[in-house]
N, C-alpha and C. Protein backbone atom coordinates (compact mmCIF):
# COMPACT_ATOMS: atom_id res chain seq x y z
N MET A 1 -39.70 12.22 38.08
CA MET A 1 -38.60 12.20 37.18
C MET A 1 -37.38 11.35 37.12
N LEU A 2 -37.88 10.40 36.39
CA LEU A 2 -36.97 9.22 36.42
C LEU A 2 -35.86 9.52 36.04
N PRO A 3 -34.22 9.17 36.41
CA PRO A 3 -32.69 9.36 35.34
C PRO A 3 -32.86 8.49 34.61
N LEU A 4 -32.29 9.14 33.37
CA LEU A 4 -32.11 8.03 31.85
C LEU A 4 -31.14 6.95 32.35
N ARG A 5 -31.63 6.20 31.95
CA ARG A 5 -30.81 4.56 32.34
C ARG A 5 -30.37 4.25 31.21
N ARG A 6 -29.67 3.95 29.82
CA ARG A 6 -29.19 3.48 28.83
C ARG A 6 -28.26 2.31 29.22
N THR A 7 -28.46 1.68 28.02
CA THR A 7 -27.58 -0.11 28.23
C THR A 7 -26.90 0.42 27.38
N LEU A 8 -25.38 0.50 27.72
CA LEU A 8 -23.98 0.14 27.05
C LEU A 8 -23.70 -0.65 26.26
N THR A 9 -23.01 -1.65 25.03
CA THR A 9 -22.85 -2.73 24.69
C THR A 9 -21.36 -2.35 24.07
N MET A 10 -20.45 -2.76 24.26
CA MET A 10 -18.80 -2.58 23.37
C MET A 10 -17.87 -3.29 23.67
N VAL A 11 -18.59 -4.00 21.50
CA VAL A 11 -17.39 -5.09 20.66
C VAL A 11 -16.41 -4.78 20.43
N ILE A 12 -15.47 -5.04 21.22
CA ILE A 12 -14.20 -5.18 20.54
C ILE A 12 -13.85 -6.63 19.66
N ARG A 13 -13.18 -7.02 18.30
CA ARG A 13 -13.00 -7.87 18.11
C ARG A 13 -11.36 -7.82 16.37
N LEU A 14 -11.31 -8.84 16.35
CA LEU A 14 -10.45 -8.59 15.48
C LEU A 14 -10.18 -9.18 13.99
N LYS A 15 -10.67 -8.44 13.08
CA LYS A 15 -10.60 -8.38 11.77
C LYS A 15 -9.50 -7.77 11.24
N ASP A 16 -9.67 -8.92 9.53
CA ASP A 16 -8.01 -7.86 8.59
C ASP A 16 -7.10 -7.55 10.38
N LYS A 17 -6.75 -8.48 11.35
CA LYS A 17 -5.94 -8.81 11.92
C LYS A 17 -5.80 -7.41 12.71
N LYS A 18 -6.86 -6.65 12.30
CA LYS A 18 -6.33 -5.98 13.90
C LYS A 18 -7.70 -5.92 14.92
N LEU A 19 -7.55 -5.09 16.29
CA LEU A 19 -8.43 -4.52 17.31
C LEU A 19 -9.61 -3.42 16.34
N TRP A 20 -11.17 -3.74 16.25
CA TRP A 20 -11.85 -2.73 15.65
C TRP A 20 -12.65 -3.21 17.26
N ILE A 21 -13.64 -1.58 17.59
CA ILE A 21 -14.35 -1.76 19.09
C ILE A 21 -15.15 -0.61 18.29
N SER A 22 -16.56 -1.56 18.74
CA SER A 22 -18.09 -1.16 17.81
C SER A 22 -19.37 -1.04 19.51
N GLY A 23 -19.77 -0.18 19.50
CA GLY A 23 -20.41 0.27 20.88
C GLY A 23 -22.42 0.81 20.02
N HIS A 24 -23.12 0.62 20.71
CA HIS A 24 -23.80 0.31 20.88
C HIS A 24 -25.01 0.75 21.86
N MET A 25 -24.82 1.67 21.75
CA MET A 25 -25.89 2.80 22.74
C MET A 25 -27.67 3.16 22.48
N THR A 26 -28.24 2.87 23.28
CA THR A 26 -29.56 3.01 22.76
C THR A 26 -29.66 4.67 22.30
N LYS A 27 -30.32 4.48 21.83
CA LYS A 27 -31.32 5.66 21.02
C LYS A 27 -29.83 6.70 20.38
N GLU A 28 -28.75 5.91 20.84
CA GLU A 28 -27.79 6.91 20.06
C GLU A 28 -27.01 5.58 18.14
N GLY A 29 -27.53 5.01 18.25
CA GLY A 29 -26.89 4.37 17.87
C GLY A 29 -25.65 3.18 17.46
N SER A 30 -25.08 2.96 16.26
CA SER A 30 -23.19 2.56 16.72
C SER A 30 -22.47 2.93 15.85
N ASN A 31 -20.90 2.67 16.31
CA ASN A 31 -20.29 3.41 15.76
C ASN A 31 -18.86 1.63 15.79
N GLU A 32 -17.89 2.25 14.69
CA GLU A 32 -17.29 1.17 14.80
C GLU A 32 -15.78 1.60 14.57
N GLY A 33 -14.54 1.57 15.20
CA GLY A 33 -13.64 1.72 14.79
C GLY A 33 -12.64 1.49 15.87
N LYS A 34 -11.39 1.81 14.84
CA LYS A 34 -9.92 0.67 14.55
C LYS A 34 -9.66 1.19 15.66
N LEU A 35 -9.41 0.07 16.78
CA LEU A 35 -8.14 0.41 17.92
C LEU A 35 -7.03 0.12 17.98
N ILE A 36 -5.67 1.28 18.38
CA ILE A 36 -4.94 2.07 17.76
C ILE A 36 -3.75 2.29 18.65
N PRO A 37 -3.11 1.63 18.52
CA PRO A 37 -2.16 1.09 20.00
C PRO A 37 -1.20 2.66 20.48
N VAL A 38 -1.52 3.10 21.97
CA VAL A 38 -0.59 4.46 21.75
C VAL A 38 0.70 4.12 23.20
N GLY A 39 -0.06 2.36 23.99
CA GLY A 39 1.07 2.47 25.07
C GLY A 39 0.80 1.18 24.87
N LYS A 40 0.96 1.43 26.55
CA LYS A 40 0.69 -0.24 27.65
C LYS A 40 -0.75 -1.25 27.21
N ASN A 41 -1.69 -1.82 26.19
CA ASN A 41 -2.53 -1.72 26.98
C ASN A 41 -3.76 -0.63 27.01
N GLU A 42 -3.12 0.17 25.89
CA GLU A 42 -3.64 1.58 26.24
C GLU A 42 -3.39 1.66 24.02
N PHE A 43 -4.78 2.05 23.77
CA PHE A 43 -5.47 2.19 22.83
C PHE A 43 -6.46 3.53 23.07
N ASN A 44 -6.07 3.78 21.33
CA ASN A 44 -7.37 5.83 20.87
C ASN A 44 -8.14 4.81 19.95
N ALA A 45 -9.56 4.74 19.46
CA ALA A 45 -9.78 4.44 18.42
C ALA A 45 -10.45 5.62 18.01
N SER A 46 -10.99 6.21 16.69
CA SER A 46 -11.59 7.49 16.34
C SER A 46 -13.34 5.99 16.27
N GLY A 47 -14.03 7.62 16.65
CA GLY A 47 -14.83 6.90 16.99
C GLY A 47 -15.00 7.01 18.36
N LEU A 48 -14.52 7.01 19.02
CA LEU A 48 -14.35 7.02 21.44
C LEU A 48 -13.74 8.12 20.74
N PRO A 49 -14.43 9.64 22.34
CA PRO A 49 -14.36 11.20 23.32
C PRO A 49 -12.27 10.22 23.41
N SER A 50 -12.35 9.18 24.31
CA SER A 50 -10.95 8.72 25.14
C SER A 50 -10.89 7.82 25.29
N PRO A 51 -9.41 8.19 25.15
CA PRO A 51 -8.41 6.06 25.42
C PRO A 51 -9.45 5.05 25.91
N ILE A 52 -8.34 4.72 25.73
CA ILE A 52 -9.59 2.70 26.25
C ILE A 52 -8.00 2.21 27.35
N THR A 53 -8.04 0.92 28.44
CA THR A 53 -7.01 1.04 29.10
C THR A 53 -8.16 -1.09 29.07
N PHE A 54 -7.23 -1.47 28.93
CA PHE A 54 -7.33 -3.46 29.21
C PHE A 54 -6.41 -3.82 30.29
N ILE A 55 -6.95 -3.77 30.75
CA ILE A 55 -7.53 -4.80 32.81
C ILE A 55 -7.32 -6.04 32.47
N LYS A 56 -5.97 -6.13 32.78
CA LYS A 56 -6.02 -8.39 33.00
C LYS A 56 -6.29 -8.46 34.55
N ASP A 57 -6.53 -9.47 34.31
CA ASP A 57 -6.36 -10.96 36.10
C ASP A 57 -5.25 -11.02 36.07
N ALA A 58 -5.42 -11.31 37.25
CA ALA A 58 -3.98 -12.28 37.93
C ALA A 58 -3.57 -13.07 37.44
N SER A 59 -4.51 -13.95 36.38
CA SER A 59 -3.40 -15.00 35.02
C SER A 59 -3.27 -14.74 34.18
N GLY A 60 -3.40 -13.36 33.74
CA GLY A 60 -2.35 -12.39 33.02
C GLY A 60 -3.90 -11.79 31.69
N LYS A 61 -5.06 -12.93 31.72
CA LYS A 61 -6.16 -13.06 30.48
C LYS A 61 -6.82 -10.97 30.83
N ILE A 62 -7.07 -10.83 30.11
CA ILE A 62 -8.01 -10.11 29.85
C ILE A 62 -9.44 -9.60 30.37
N SER A 63 -10.17 -9.26 31.21
CA SER A 63 -10.98 -9.01 32.57
C SER A 63 -11.64 -8.31 32.16
N SER A 64 -11.90 -6.73 32.17
CA SER A 64 -11.95 -5.73 31.17
C SER A 64 -11.53 -4.86 30.72
N PHE A 65 -11.33 -3.34 30.51
CA PHE A 65 -10.71 -1.85 30.25
C PHE A 65 -11.68 -1.15 30.61
N MET A 66 -10.93 -0.10 30.66
CA MET A 66 -11.63 0.99 31.20
C MET A 66 -11.45 1.91 30.28
N ASP A 67 -12.16 3.17 30.24
CA ASP A 67 -12.65 3.82 29.36
C ASP A 67 -12.17 4.78 30.14
N HIS A 68 -11.33 6.21 29.55
CA HIS A 68 -10.42 6.95 29.78
C HIS A 68 -11.51 9.30 30.61
N ASP A 69 -12.50 8.53 30.16
CA ASP A 69 -13.76 9.72 29.48
C ASP A 69 -13.33 10.27 31.16
N LEU A 70 -13.75 12.29 31.51
CA LEU A 70 -14.27 12.31 32.79
C LEU A 70 -14.65 11.66 33.02
N VAL A 71 -15.72 10.78 32.91
CA VAL A 71 -16.43 9.83 34.06
C VAL A 71 -16.17 8.21 33.44
N PRO A 72 -14.59 7.85 34.48
CA PRO A 72 -13.75 6.99 33.76
C PRO A 72 -14.85 5.87 34.24
N PHE A 73 -15.04 4.79 33.25
CA PHE A 73 -16.28 3.51 33.16
C PHE A 73 -15.35 1.74 32.58
N THR A 74 -16.03 1.47 33.72
CA THR A 74 -14.91 0.18 33.32
C THR A 74 -16.03 -1.09 32.83
N PHE A 75 -15.44 -1.46 32.10
CA PHE A 75 -16.23 -3.11 31.43
C PHE A 75 -15.81 -4.52 30.75
N LYS A 76 -17.15 -4.80 31.43
CA LYS A 76 -16.65 -6.44 32.24
C LYS A 76 -16.82 -7.16 30.69
N LYS A 77 -15.55 -7.70 30.87
CA LYS A 77 -15.57 -9.24 29.23
C LYS A 77 -16.33 -9.49 29.31
N VAL A 78 -17.25 -9.99 28.59
CA VAL A 78 -18.28 -11.03 28.81
C VAL A 78 -18.18 -12.45 27.38
N LYS A 79 -18.45 -13.41 27.89
CA LYS A 79 -18.63 -14.44 26.70
C LYS A 79 -19.07 -13.94 25.69
N ASN A 80 -18.81 -14.27 24.07
CA ASN A 80 -19.26 -14.30 23.05
C ASN A 80 -20.23 -15.40 23.27
N THR A 81 -21.68 -14.20 22.84
CA THR A 81 -22.92 -15.37 21.93
C THR A 81 -23.12 -15.46 20.97
N GLN A 82 -22.10 -15.46 19.98
CA GLN A 82 -22.61 -15.67 18.53
C GLN A 82 -22.19 -16.84 18.21
């Protein structure tokens, strides 16, 4: 039996002067939540089980973010293709 693999894409966008996050996970649909600042570069969001932290590169630009779930996962920033 092969392990189940899912593709996870998280989208962060600015809407109505607020940051929103949405996630699209295979077989589990999607959800969207407003990011609420709780610390320096750290946010909570409705619909997410744990907070996220934005990570900056050496030049100070956001390069990724990490969720703080039981098994932390880092999402790398990619260019918007739309």
